[in-house]
Amino acid sequence: MSFKELLDSWRERAAAPRTAAAYAVRLPLDDAAQLAALAELFPGRSPEQLITELLGAALKELAAAMPYVAGSRVISTDEQGDPVYEDAGLTPRFMELARRQRRALEGAAAARPSRPATARAKRRPRR
């Protein structure tokens, strides 16, 4: 997703579901000021939602920017019949690690027992 598409989505859609894990960050002053400006421009988005969506766009752009490094194994041929070599760069390893981490996060979320709303309420101590 490009940053332009991200801006369009902030105007049009609700945020996607999130993980249970939370990440605390301390922003540089200029970044915090720009984040606050975005929150004013898009009042339907919390600063946390903006950070999440900006990070998602940046990670996609980062993955796309990883250079292709031709490996030694031929994995297919192109339209002209020339060999296409496997990518021996960072991209395949990054993608595999990301898939593994996603499965772990999904497994952790599935393993958490779901409690009825009444069980979540704070109980008064017995006397």
C-alpha atoms as a PDB file:
ATOM      1  CA  MET A   1       0.000   0.000   0.000  1.00  0.00           C
ATOM      2  CA  SER A   2       1.413   3.370  -0.972  1.00  0.00           C
ATOM      3  CA  PHE A   3       1.221   6.397   1.296  1.00  0.00           C
ATOM      4  CA  LYS A   4      -1.350   7.937  -1.058  1.00  0.00           C
ATOM      5  CA  GLU A   5      -3.524   4.819  -0.726  1.00  0.00           C
ATOM      6  CA  LEU A   6      -3.049   5.000   3.037  1.00  0.00           C
ATOM      7  CA  LEU A   7      -4.296   8.583   3.101  1.00  0.00           C
ATOM      8  CA  ASP A   8      -7.307   7.556   1.011  1.00  0.00           C
ATOM      9  CA  SER A   9      -8.070   4.659   3.364  1.00  0.00           C
ATOM     10  CA  TRP A  10      -7.980   6.974   6.385  1.00  0.00           C
ATOM     11  CA  ARG A  11     -10.674   9.044   4.753  1.00  0.00           C
ATOM     12  CA  GLU A  12     -12.838   6.060   3.789  1.00  0.00           C
ATOM     13  CA  ARG A  13     -12.441   2.973   5.984  1.00  0.00           C
ATOM     14  CA  ALA A  14     -12.316   1.727   9.528  1.00  0.00           C
ATOM     15  CA  ALA A  15      -9.071   0.285  10.895  1.00  0.00           C
ATOM     16  CA  ALA A  16      -8.184  -3.414  10.455  1.00  0.00           C
ATOM     17  CA  PRO A  17      -8.129  -5.845  13.415  1.00  0.00           C
ATOM     18  CA  ARG A  18      -5.070  -5.702  15.654  1.00  0.00           C
ATOM     19  CA  THR A  19      -2.953  -8.154  17.646  1.00  0.00           C
ATOM     20  CA  ALA A  20      -3.119  -8.444  21.413  1.00  0.00           C
ATOM     21  CA  ALA A  21       0.544  -7.412  21.662  1.00  0.00           C
ATOM     22  CA  ALA A  22       1.260  -3.741  22.303  1.00  0.00           C
ATOM     23  CA  TYR A  23       4.477  -1.911  21.455  1.00  0.00           C
ATOM     24  CA  ALA A  24       5.573   1.205  23.306  1.00  0.00           C
ATOM     25  CA  VAL A  25       7.747   3.691  21.424  1.00  0.00           C
ATOM     26  CA  ARG A  26       9.193   7.105  22.179  1.00  0.00           C
ATOM     27  CA  LEU A  27       9.012   9.285  19.105  1.00  0.00           C
ATOM     28  CA  PRO A  28      11.440  11.971  18.057  1.00  0.00           C
ATOM     29  CA  LEU A  29       9.905  15.403  18.644  1.00  0.00           C
ATOM     30  CA  ASP A  30       9.412  16.224  14.940  1.00  0.00           C
ATOM     31  CA  ASP A  31       7.765  12.839  14.279  1.00  0.00           C
ATOM     32  CA  ALA A  32       5.449  13.329  17.261  1.00  0.00           C
ATOM     33  CA  ALA A  33       4.468  16.780  15.961  1.00  0.00           C
ATOM     34  CA  GLN A  34       3.702  15.368  12.513  1.00  0.00           C
ATOM     35  CA  LEU A  35       1.709  12.523  14.072  1.00  0.00           C
ATOM     36  CA  ALA A  36      -0.328  15.034  16.080  1.00  0.00           C
ATOM     37  CA  ALA A  37      -0.928  17.025  12.881  1.00  0.00           C
ATOM     38  CA  LEU A  38      -2.197  13.878  11.121  1.00  0.00           C
ATOM     39  CA  ALA A  39      -4.491  13.151  14.076  1.00  0.00           C
ATOM     40  CA  GLU A  40      -5.959  16.651  13.686  1.00  0.00           C
ATOM     41  CA  LEU A  41      -6.352  16.207   9.925  1.00  0.00           C
ATOM     42  CA  PHE A  42      -8.048  12.813  10.384  1.00  0.00           C
ATOM     43  CA  PRO A  43      -9.976  13.048  13.676  1.00  0.00           C
ATOM     44  CA  GLY A  44     -11.503   9.586  13.154  1.00  0.00           C
ATOM     45  CA  ARG A  45      -8.058   8.035  13.651  1.00  0.00           C
ATOM     46  CA  SER A  46      -6.242   7.775  16.956  1.00  0.00           C
ATOM     47  CA  PRO A  47      -2.492   8.409  17.026  1.00  0.00           C
ATOM     48  CA  GLU A  48      -2.035   4.672  17.675  1.00  0.00           C
ATOM     49  CA  GLN A  49      -4.051   3.780  14.564  1.00  0.00           C
ATOM     50  CA  LEU A  50      -2.024   6.234  12.510  1.00  0.00           C
ATOM     51  CA  ILE A  51       1.267   4.789  13.781  1.00  0.00           C
ATOM     52  CA  THR A  52       0.075   1.254  13.038  1.00  0.00           C
ATOM     53  CA  GLU A  53      -1.004   2.072   9.508  1.00  0.00           C
ATOM     54  CA  LEU A  54       2.097   4.144   8.748  1.00  0.00           C
ATOM     55  CA  LEU A  55       4.292   1.320  10.002  1.00  0.00           C
ATOM     56  CA  GLY A  56       2.399  -1.183   7.834  1.00  0.00           C
ATOM     57  CA  ALA A  57       2.901   0.982   4.733  1.00  0.00           C
ATOM     58  CA  ALA A  58       6.581   1.478   5.570  1.00  0.00           C
ATOM     59  CA  LEU A  59       7.152  -2.266   6.060  1.00  0.00           C
ATOM     60  CA  LYS A  60       5.558  -3.047   2.683  1.00  0.00           C
ATOM     61  CA  GLU A  61       7.723  -0.411   1.026  1.00  0.00           C
ATOM     62  CA  LEU A  62      10.803  -1.770   2.814  1.00  0.00           C
ATOM     63  CA  ALA A  63      10.088  -5.319   1.611  1.00  0.00           C
ATOM     64  CA  ALA A  64       9.608  -4.046  -1.952  1.00  0.00           C
ATOM     65  CA  ALA A  65      12.926  -2.167  -1.757  1.00  0.00           C
ATOM     66  CA  MET A  66      14.950  -5.242  -0.794  1.00  0.00           C
ATOM     67  CA  PRO A  67      17.202  -5.973  -3.776  1.00  0.00           C
ATOM     68  CA  TYR A  68      16.902  -9.140  -5.824  1.00  0.00           C
ATOM     69  CA  VAL A  69      20.066 -11.225  -5.665  1.00  0.00           C
ATOM     70  CA  ALA A  70      20.254 -13.994  -8.259  1.00  0.00           C
ATOM     71  CA  GLY A  71      20.971 -17.356  -6.688  1.00  0.00           C
ATOM     72  CA  SER A  72      22.452 -20.412  -8.349  1.00  0.00           C
ATOM     73  CA  ARG A  73      19.223 -22.432  -8.746  1.00  0.00           C
ATOM     74  CA  VAL A  74      16.990 -21.920 -11.791  1.00  0.00           C
ATOM     75  CA  ILE A  75      13.326 -21.787 -10.708  1.00  0.00           C
ATOM     76  CA  SER A  76      11.647 -21.064 -14.058  1.00  0.00           C
ATOM     77  CA  THR A  77      12.107 -19.481 -17.457  1.00  0.00           C
ATOM     78  CA  ASP A  78      10.885 -16.130 -18.716  1.00  0.00           C
ATOM     79  CA  GLU A  79       8.898 -15.378 -21.886  1.00  0.00           C
ATOM     80  CA  GLN A  80      12.063 -15.553 -24.008  1.00  0.00           C
ATOM     81  CA  GLY A  81      13.113 -18.896 -22.524  1.00  0.00           C
ATOM     82  CA  ASP A  82      15.888 -17.399 -20.419  1.00  0.00           C
ATOM     83  CA  PRO A  83      16.460 -18.860 -16.951  1.00  0.00           C
ATOM     84  CA  VAL A  84      15.030 -17.132 -13.881  1.00  0.00           C
ATOM     85  CA  TYR A  85      17.137 -17.717 -10.786  1.00  0.00           C
ATOM     86  CA  GLU A  86      15.926 -17.988  -7.225  1.00  0.00           C
ATOM     87  CA  ASP A  87      16.255 -14.853  -5.102  1.00  0.00           C
ATOM     88  CA  ALA A  88      19.211 -15.342  -2.756  1.00  0.00           C
ATOM     89  CA  GLY A  89      18.822 -11.889  -1.204  1.00  0.00           C
ATOM     90  CA  LEU A  90      17.060 -10.805   1.975  1.00  0.00           C
ATOM     91  CA  THR A  91      13.517 -10.942   0.565  1.00  0.00           C
ATOM     92  CA  PRO A  92      12.848 -14.703   0.774  1.00  0.00           C
ATOM     93  CA  ARG A  93      14.274 -14.955   4.294  1.00  0.00           C
ATOM     94  CA  PHE A  94      12.333 -11.889   5.423  1.00  0.00           C
ATOM     95  CA  MET A  95       9.097 -13.266   3.963  1.00  0.00           C
ATOM     96  CA  GLU A  96       9.603 -16.689   5.581  1.00  0.00           C
ATOM     97  CA  LEU A  97      10.387 -15.135   8.969  1.00  0.00           C
ATOM     98  CA  ALA A  98       7.314 -12.887   8.664  1.00  0.00           C
ATOM     99  CA  ARG A  99       5.096 -15.922   7.893  1.00  0.00           C
ATOM    100  CA  ARG A 100       6.563 -17.806  10.848  1.00  0.00           C
ATOM    101  CA  GLN A 101       6.013 -14.853  13.180  1.00  0.00           C
ATOM    102  CA  ARG A 102       2.427 -14.444  11.943  1.00  0.00           C
ATOM    103  CA  ARG A 103       1.669 -18.120  12.644  1.00  0.00           C
ATOM    104  CA  ALA A 104       3.131 -17.705  16.140  1.00  0.00           C
ATOM    105  CA  LEU A 105       1.016 -14.600  16.787  1.00  0.00           C
ATOM    106  CA  GLU A 106      -2.121 -16.340  15.493  1.00  0.00           C
ATOM    107  CA  GLY A 107      -1.367 -19.384  17.651  1.00  0.00           C
ATOM    108  CA  ALA A 108      -0.908 -17.223  20.734  1.00  0.00           C
ATOM    109  CA  ALA A 109      -4.197 -15.447  20.050  1.00  0.00           C
ATOM    110  CA  ALA A 110      -6.015 -18.767  19.561  1.00  0.00           C
ATOM    111  CA  ALA A 111      -4.536 -20.187  22.766  1.00  0.00           C
ATOM    112  CA  ARG A 112      -5.889 -17.335  24.894  1.00  0.00           C
ATOM    113  CA  PRO A 113      -9.085 -18.504  26.568  1.00  0.00           C
ATOM    114  CA  SER A 114     -12.081 -16.386  25.861  1.00  0.00           C
ATOM    115  CA  ARG A 115     -13.992 -15.396  28.983  1.00  0.00           C
ATOM    116  CA  PRO A 116     -17.552 -14.148  29.185  1.00  0.00           C
ATOM    117  CA  ALA A 117     -17.957 -10.423  29.765  1.00  0.00           C
ATOM    118  CA  THR A 118     -19.049 -10.985  33.368  1.00  0.00           C
ATOM    119  CA  ALA A 119     -15.834 -12.860  34.155  1.00  0.00           C
ATOM    120  CA  ARG A 120     -13.795  -9.905  32.890  1.00  0.00           C
ATOM    121  CA  ALA A 121     -15.445  -7.519  35.340  1.00  0.00           C
ATOM    122  CA  LYS A 122     -13.438  -6.811  38.445  1.00  0.00           C
ATOM    123  CA  ARG A 123     -14.768  -8.903  41.293  1.00  0.00           C
ATOM    124  CA  ARG A 124     -15.290  -7.561  44.770  1.00  0.00           C
ATOM    125  CA  PRO A 125     -13.160  -9.253  47.441  1.00  0.00           C
ATOM    126  CA  ARG A 126     -14.947 -11.682  49.750  1.00  0.00           C
ATOM    127  CA  ARG A 127     -15.087 -10.941  53.447  1.00  0.00           C
END
